[in-house]
Amino acid sequence: MGRDVALVCHCGELRGQVRDLSPQAGFRVVCDCDDCQAFARHLGAPGKILDGAGGTEIFQTSPARFSFERGELASMRLSGA
């Protein structure tokens, strides 16, 4: 059985949770692609997001586990691919 994890963005405008989260609920990866590195720079936080080799730790899980009580998600494209 997993646990619920609260989600809150830095400014507090987006709030939600990921339900029933456990190690078996997804996959942990370290991505070192150009887009992840560019996104960290776009956020102005490469030192907080990227590891020493330029990688970003990601836990990938199902969108069905997410719920949002406040705010909206936005997306961006950092490359032409």
N, C-alpha and C. Protein backbone atom coordinates (compact mmCIF):
# COMPACT_ATOMS: atom_id res chain seq x y z
N MET A 1 0.84 -1.18 0.00
CA MET A 1 0.00 0.00 0.00
C MET A 1 0.88 1.23 0.00
N GLY A 2 0.56 2.17 -0.88
CA GLY A 2 1.33 3.39 -0.98
C GLY A 2 0.79 4.49 -0.09
N ARG A 3 1.39 5.66 -0.24
CA ARG A 3 0.93 6.80 0.54
C ARG A 3 0.62 7.95 -0.40
N ASP A 4 -0.19 8.88 0.06
CA ASP A 4 -0.51 10.07 -0.71
C ASP A 4 0.56 11.12 -0.45
N VAL A 5 0.97 11.82 -1.51
CA VAL A 5 2.01 12.82 -1.41
C VAL A 5 1.46 14.14 -1.91
N ALA A 6 1.57 15.19 -1.10
CA ALA A 6 1.09 16.52 -1.49
C ALA A 6 2.01 17.13 -2.54
N LEU A 7 1.41 17.85 -3.47
CA LEU A 7 2.14 18.59 -4.50
C LEU A 7 1.84 20.07 -4.31
N VAL A 8 2.89 20.88 -4.24
CA VAL A 8 2.72 22.33 -4.15
C VAL A 8 3.86 22.96 -4.93
N CYS A 9 3.52 23.86 -5.85
CA CYS A 9 4.58 24.53 -6.60
C CYS A 9 5.25 25.57 -5.71
N HIS A 10 6.32 26.13 -6.19
CA HIS A 10 7.12 27.09 -5.41
C HIS A 10 6.28 28.30 -4.99
N CYS A 11 5.43 28.82 -5.88
CA CYS A 11 4.66 30.02 -5.55
C CYS A 11 3.34 29.69 -4.84
N GLY A 12 2.95 28.42 -4.80
CA GLY A 12 1.74 28.01 -4.11
C GLY A 12 0.47 28.06 -4.93
N GLU A 13 0.56 28.45 -6.20
CA GLU A 13 -0.63 28.55 -7.04
C GLU A 13 -1.17 27.19 -7.47
N LEU A 14 -0.31 26.20 -7.56
CA LEU A 14 -0.73 24.85 -7.95
C LEU A 14 -0.65 23.95 -6.73
N ARG A 15 -1.76 23.28 -6.43
CA ARG A 15 -1.81 22.36 -5.29
C ARG A 15 -2.55 21.10 -5.70
N GLY A 16 -2.05 19.99 -5.24
CA GLY A 16 -2.70 18.72 -5.53
C GLY A 16 -2.04 17.60 -4.76
N GLN A 17 -2.23 16.39 -5.26
CA GLN A 17 -1.61 15.24 -4.62
C GLN A 17 -1.44 14.10 -5.61
N VAL A 18 -0.53 13.22 -5.27
CA VAL A 18 -0.35 11.97 -5.99
C VAL A 18 -0.82 10.89 -5.02
N ARG A 19 -1.77 10.08 -5.47
CA ARG A 19 -2.39 9.08 -4.60
C ARG A 19 -1.69 7.72 -4.70
N ASP A 20 -1.65 7.03 -3.58
CA ASP A 20 -1.18 5.65 -3.49
C ASP A 20 0.21 5.47 -4.12
N LEU A 21 1.13 6.34 -3.76
CA LEU A 21 2.47 6.31 -4.32
C LEU A 21 3.35 5.32 -3.56
N SER A 22 4.06 4.50 -4.31
CA SER A 22 4.98 3.52 -3.74
C SER A 22 6.06 3.25 -4.79
N PRO A 23 7.15 2.60 -4.41
CA PRO A 23 8.18 2.27 -5.40
C PRO A 23 7.64 1.44 -6.57
N GLN A 24 6.62 0.64 -6.33
CA GLN A 24 6.05 -0.20 -7.38
C GLN A 24 5.09 0.57 -8.28
N ALA A 25 4.77 1.82 -7.94
CA ALA A 25 3.77 2.61 -8.68
C ALA A 25 4.38 3.35 -9.87
N GLY A 26 5.65 3.15 -10.14
CA GLY A 26 6.26 3.85 -11.25
C GLY A 26 7.71 3.44 -11.43
N PHE A 27 8.45 4.29 -12.15
CA PHE A 27 9.84 4.01 -12.46
C PHE A 27 10.70 5.22 -12.13
N ARG A 28 11.82 5.01 -11.47
CA ARG A 28 12.77 6.07 -11.19
C ARG A 28 13.84 6.05 -12.27
N VAL A 29 14.08 7.21 -12.84
CA VAL A 29 15.11 7.34 -13.86
C VAL A 29 15.90 8.61 -13.61
N VAL A 30 17.08 8.69 -14.16
CA VAL A 30 17.86 9.91 -14.19
C VAL A 30 18.02 10.27 -15.65
N CYS A 31 17.47 11.41 -16.02
CA CYS A 31 17.51 11.84 -17.42
C CYS A 31 18.58 12.92 -17.57
N ASP A 32 19.39 12.80 -18.61
CA ASP A 32 20.39 13.83 -18.86
C ASP A 32 20.24 14.43 -20.26
N CYS A 33 18.99 14.45 -20.74
CA CYS A 33 18.75 15.00 -22.09
C CYS A 33 18.86 16.53 -22.08
N ASP A 34 19.03 17.10 -23.24
CA ASP A 34 19.16 18.55 -23.38
C ASP A 34 17.92 19.28 -22.89
N ASP A 35 16.72 18.71 -23.12
CA ASP A 35 15.48 19.37 -22.70
C ASP A 35 15.39 19.48 -21.18
N CYS A 36 15.72 18.42 -20.46
CA CYS A 36 15.67 18.47 -18.99
C CYS A 36 16.66 19.51 -18.47
N GLN A 37 17.84 19.58 -19.08
CA GLN A 37 18.83 20.56 -18.66
C GLN A 37 18.36 21.98 -19.00
N ALA A 38 17.76 22.16 -20.18
CA ALA A 38 17.25 23.48 -20.56
C ALA A 38 16.10 23.91 -19.65
N PHE A 39 15.24 22.97 -19.26
CA PHE A 39 14.13 23.29 -18.38
C PHE A 39 14.64 23.73 -17.01
N ALA A 40 15.65 23.06 -16.48
CA ALA A 40 16.24 23.45 -15.20
C ALA A 40 16.79 24.87 -15.29
N ARG A 41 17.44 25.20 -16.39
CA ARG A 41 17.95 26.57 -16.58
C ARG A 41 16.80 27.56 -16.73
N HIS A 42 15.74 27.18 -17.45
CA HIS A 42 14.57 28.04 -17.63
C HIS A 42 13.95 28.38 -16.26
N LEU A 43 13.92 27.42 -15.35
CA LEU A 43 13.38 27.65 -14.02
C LEU A 43 14.34 28.44 -13.13
N GLY A 44 15.57 28.63 -13.61
CA GLY A 44 16.57 29.36 -12.83
C GLY A 44 17.10 28.57 -11.65
N ALA A 45 17.05 27.23 -11.76
CA ALA A 45 17.46 26.40 -10.63
C ALA A 45 18.28 25.19 -11.03
N PRO A 46 19.24 25.35 -11.94
CA PRO A 46 19.99 24.16 -12.34
C PRO A 46 20.74 23.52 -11.17
N GLY A 47 21.20 24.29 -10.20
CA GLY A 47 21.91 23.74 -9.06
C GLY A 47 21.02 22.91 -8.14
N LYS A 48 19.71 23.19 -8.14
CA LYS A 48 18.77 22.44 -7.31
C LYS A 48 18.20 21.23 -8.04
N ILE A 49 18.15 21.28 -9.37
CA ILE A 49 17.47 20.25 -10.15
C ILE A 49 18.44 19.25 -10.75
N LEU A 50 19.58 19.71 -11.23
CA LEU A 50 20.53 18.84 -11.93
C LEU A 50 21.57 18.28 -10.97
N ASP A 51 21.93 17.02 -11.17
CA ASP A 51 23.01 16.43 -10.37
C ASP A 51 24.36 16.85 -10.94
N GLY A 52 25.44 16.36 -10.38
CA GLY A 52 26.78 16.75 -10.81
C GLY A 52 27.10 16.44 -12.25
N ALA A 53 26.41 15.45 -12.82
CA ALA A 53 26.64 15.06 -14.22
C ALA A 53 25.61 15.70 -15.16
N GLY A 54 24.75 16.58 -14.64
CA GLY A 54 23.74 17.23 -15.47
C GLY A 54 22.44 16.46 -15.58
N GLY A 55 22.25 15.44 -14.75
CA GLY A 55 21.04 14.63 -14.81
C GLY A 55 19.94 15.15 -13.90
N THR A 56 18.71 14.79 -14.24
CA THR A 56 17.53 15.15 -13.46
C THR A 56 16.87 13.88 -12.97
N GLU A 57 16.65 13.77 -11.65
CA GLU A 57 15.95 12.60 -11.11
C GLU A 57 14.46 12.74 -11.38
N ILE A 58 13.86 11.68 -11.92
CA ILE A 58 12.44 11.68 -12.27
C ILE A 58 11.81 10.40 -11.75
N PHE A 59 10.62 10.53 -11.17
CA PHE A 59 9.82 9.35 -10.83
C PHE A 59 8.60 9.42 -11.73
N GLN A 60 8.52 8.50 -12.65
CA GLN A 60 7.46 8.48 -13.65
C GLN A 60 6.34 7.56 -13.18
N THR A 61 5.11 8.10 -13.11
CA THR A 61 3.97 7.32 -12.67
C THR A 61 2.76 7.68 -13.52
N SER A 62 1.67 7.01 -13.31
CA SER A 62 0.46 7.18 -14.10
C SER A 62 -0.23 8.52 -13.82
N PRO A 63 -0.70 9.22 -14.84
CA PRO A 63 -1.47 10.46 -14.62
C PRO A 63 -2.73 10.23 -13.80
N ALA A 64 -3.26 9.01 -13.80
CA ALA A 64 -4.47 8.72 -13.03
C ALA A 64 -4.24 8.87 -11.53
N ARG A 65 -3.00 8.86 -11.08
CA ARG A 65 -2.69 9.01 -9.65
C ARG A 65 -2.73 10.47 -9.20
N PHE A 66 -2.75 11.41 -10.13
CA PHE A 66 -2.70 12.83 -9.81
C PHE A 66 -4.09 13.43 -9.68
N SER A 67 -4.24 14.32 -8.73
CA SER A 67 -5.44 15.16 -8.64
C SER A 67 -4.98 16.56 -8.25
N PHE A 68 -5.69 17.56 -8.75
CA PHE A 68 -5.32 18.95 -8.48
C PHE A 68 -6.51 19.68 -7.89
N GLU A 69 -6.28 20.36 -6.78
CA GLU A 69 -7.33 21.11 -6.12
C GLU A 69 -7.29 22.59 -6.49
N ARG A 70 -6.13 23.05 -6.94
CA ARG A 70 -5.97 24.47 -7.21
C ARG A 70 -4.95 24.67 -8.33
N GLY A 71 -5.22 25.62 -9.20
CA GLY A 71 -4.29 25.97 -10.25
C GLY A 71 -4.44 25.11 -11.49
N GLU A 72 -3.60 25.38 -12.46
CA GLU A 72 -3.62 24.65 -13.73
C GLU A 72 -2.19 24.31 -14.12
N LEU A 73 -2.06 23.18 -14.77
CA LEU A 73 -0.76 22.79 -15.32
C LEU A 73 -0.56 23.45 -16.67
N ALA A 74 0.66 23.76 -16.98
CA ALA A 74 1.01 24.28 -18.30
C ALA A 74 2.18 23.47 -18.81
N SER A 75 2.37 23.50 -20.10
CA SER A 75 3.50 22.78 -20.67
C SER A 75 4.25 23.70 -21.62
N MET A 76 5.43 23.27 -21.97
CA MET A 76 6.24 24.04 -22.91
C MET A 76 7.09 23.09 -23.71
N ARG A 77 7.47 23.52 -24.88
CA ARG A 77 8.36 22.72 -25.73
C ARG A 77 9.68 23.47 -25.82
N LEU A 78 10.75 22.75 -25.49
CA LEU A 78 12.07 23.37 -25.48
C LEU A 78 12.88 23.03 -26.71
N SER A 79 12.39 22.12 -27.54
CA SER A 79 13.11 21.78 -28.77
C SER A 79 12.09 21.56 -29.87
N GLY A 80 12.57 21.42 -31.07
CA GLY A 80 11.70 21.20 -32.22
C GLY A 80 11.29 19.74 -32.39
N ALA A 81 11.82 18.84 -31.57
CA ALA A 81 11.53 17.41 -31.71
C ALA A 81 10.17 17.05 -31.19
